[in-house]
Amino acid sequence: MSELASPPVTSIDIQIFELGTQAMKLLFKQLEDSTSSPEQVIVPHQLIRRQSCSRWQK
């Protein structure tokens, strides 16, 4: 949707599918062993620069 705006809006791709997949893996792991300690998983992200952050021209 961000690229359809006028001007196209800069956004961050947070890899929503991978984020959900990792969350479910951690949830199942916690359900299998409730004594396991919490884990931190870093899901890669990407800044997608579009015209909304380009240099303003007179």
Protein backbone atom coordinates (compact mmCIF):
# COMPACT_ATOMS: atom_id res chain seq x y z
CA MET A 1 0.00 0.00 0.00
CA SER A 2 2.85 2.39 0.79
CA GLU A 3 4.14 2.37 -2.76
CA LEU A 4 0.67 3.24 -4.11
CA ALA A 5 0.43 6.50 -2.15
CA SER A 6 1.33 9.77 -3.78
CA PRO A 7 4.20 10.30 -3.23
CA PRO A 8 5.18 6.66 -2.50
CA VAL A 9 5.78 6.42 1.27
CA THR A 10 8.99 5.13 2.84
CA SER A 11 8.33 2.06 4.98
CA ILE A 12 10.01 -0.75 6.89
CA ASP A 13 9.63 -4.36 5.77
CA ILE A 14 9.53 -6.29 9.06
CA GLN A 15 9.30 -9.73 7.38
CA ILE A 16 5.87 -10.36 8.92
CA PHE A 17 5.66 -13.99 7.78
CA GLU A 18 9.07 -14.85 9.29
CA LEU A 19 8.13 -12.95 12.44
CA GLY A 20 5.00 -15.09 12.85
CA THR A 21 6.89 -18.30 12.09
CA GLN A 22 9.53 -17.58 14.72
CA ALA A 23 6.88 -16.58 17.28
CA MET A 24 5.04 -19.88 16.78
CA LYS A 25 8.26 -21.90 17.07
CA LEU A 26 9.05 -20.20 20.37
CA LEU A 27 5.49 -20.67 21.61
CA PHE A 28 5.51 -24.41 20.82
CA LYS A 29 8.91 -24.75 22.48
CA GLN A 30 7.59 -23.04 25.61
CA LEU A 31 4.46 -25.24 25.63
CA GLU A 32 6.59 -28.40 25.35
CA ASP A 33 8.93 -27.35 28.17
CA SER A 34 7.56 -24.68 30.47
CA THR A 35 10.83 -24.60 32.43
CA SER A 36 12.86 -23.39 29.44
CA SER A 37 14.14 -19.85 29.66
CA PRO A 38 12.90 -17.15 27.28
CA GLU A 39 14.79 -16.72 24.01
CA GLN A 40 15.41 -13.71 21.85
CA VAL A 41 15.18 -14.07 18.08
CA ILE A 42 16.12 -11.25 15.76
CA VAL A 43 14.18 -11.21 12.51
CA PRO A 44 15.90 -9.19 9.77
CA HIS A 45 14.21 -6.01 8.58
CA GLN A 46 14.74 -3.60 5.73
CA LEU A 47 14.15 0.11 5.22
CA ILE A 48 12.47 0.71 1.87
CA ARG A 49 13.16 4.28 0.82
CA ARG A 50 10.66 5.84 -1.52
CA GLN A 51 9.89 9.38 -2.63
CA SER A 52 8.52 10.48 0.74
CA CYS A 53 12.07 10.78 2.09
CA SER A 54 13.77 12.14 -0.98
CA ARG A 55 15.30 15.60 -1.07
CA TRP A 56 12.78 18.39 -1.46
CA GLN A 57 13.17 20.26 -4.71
CA LYS A 58 11.99 23.81 -5.34
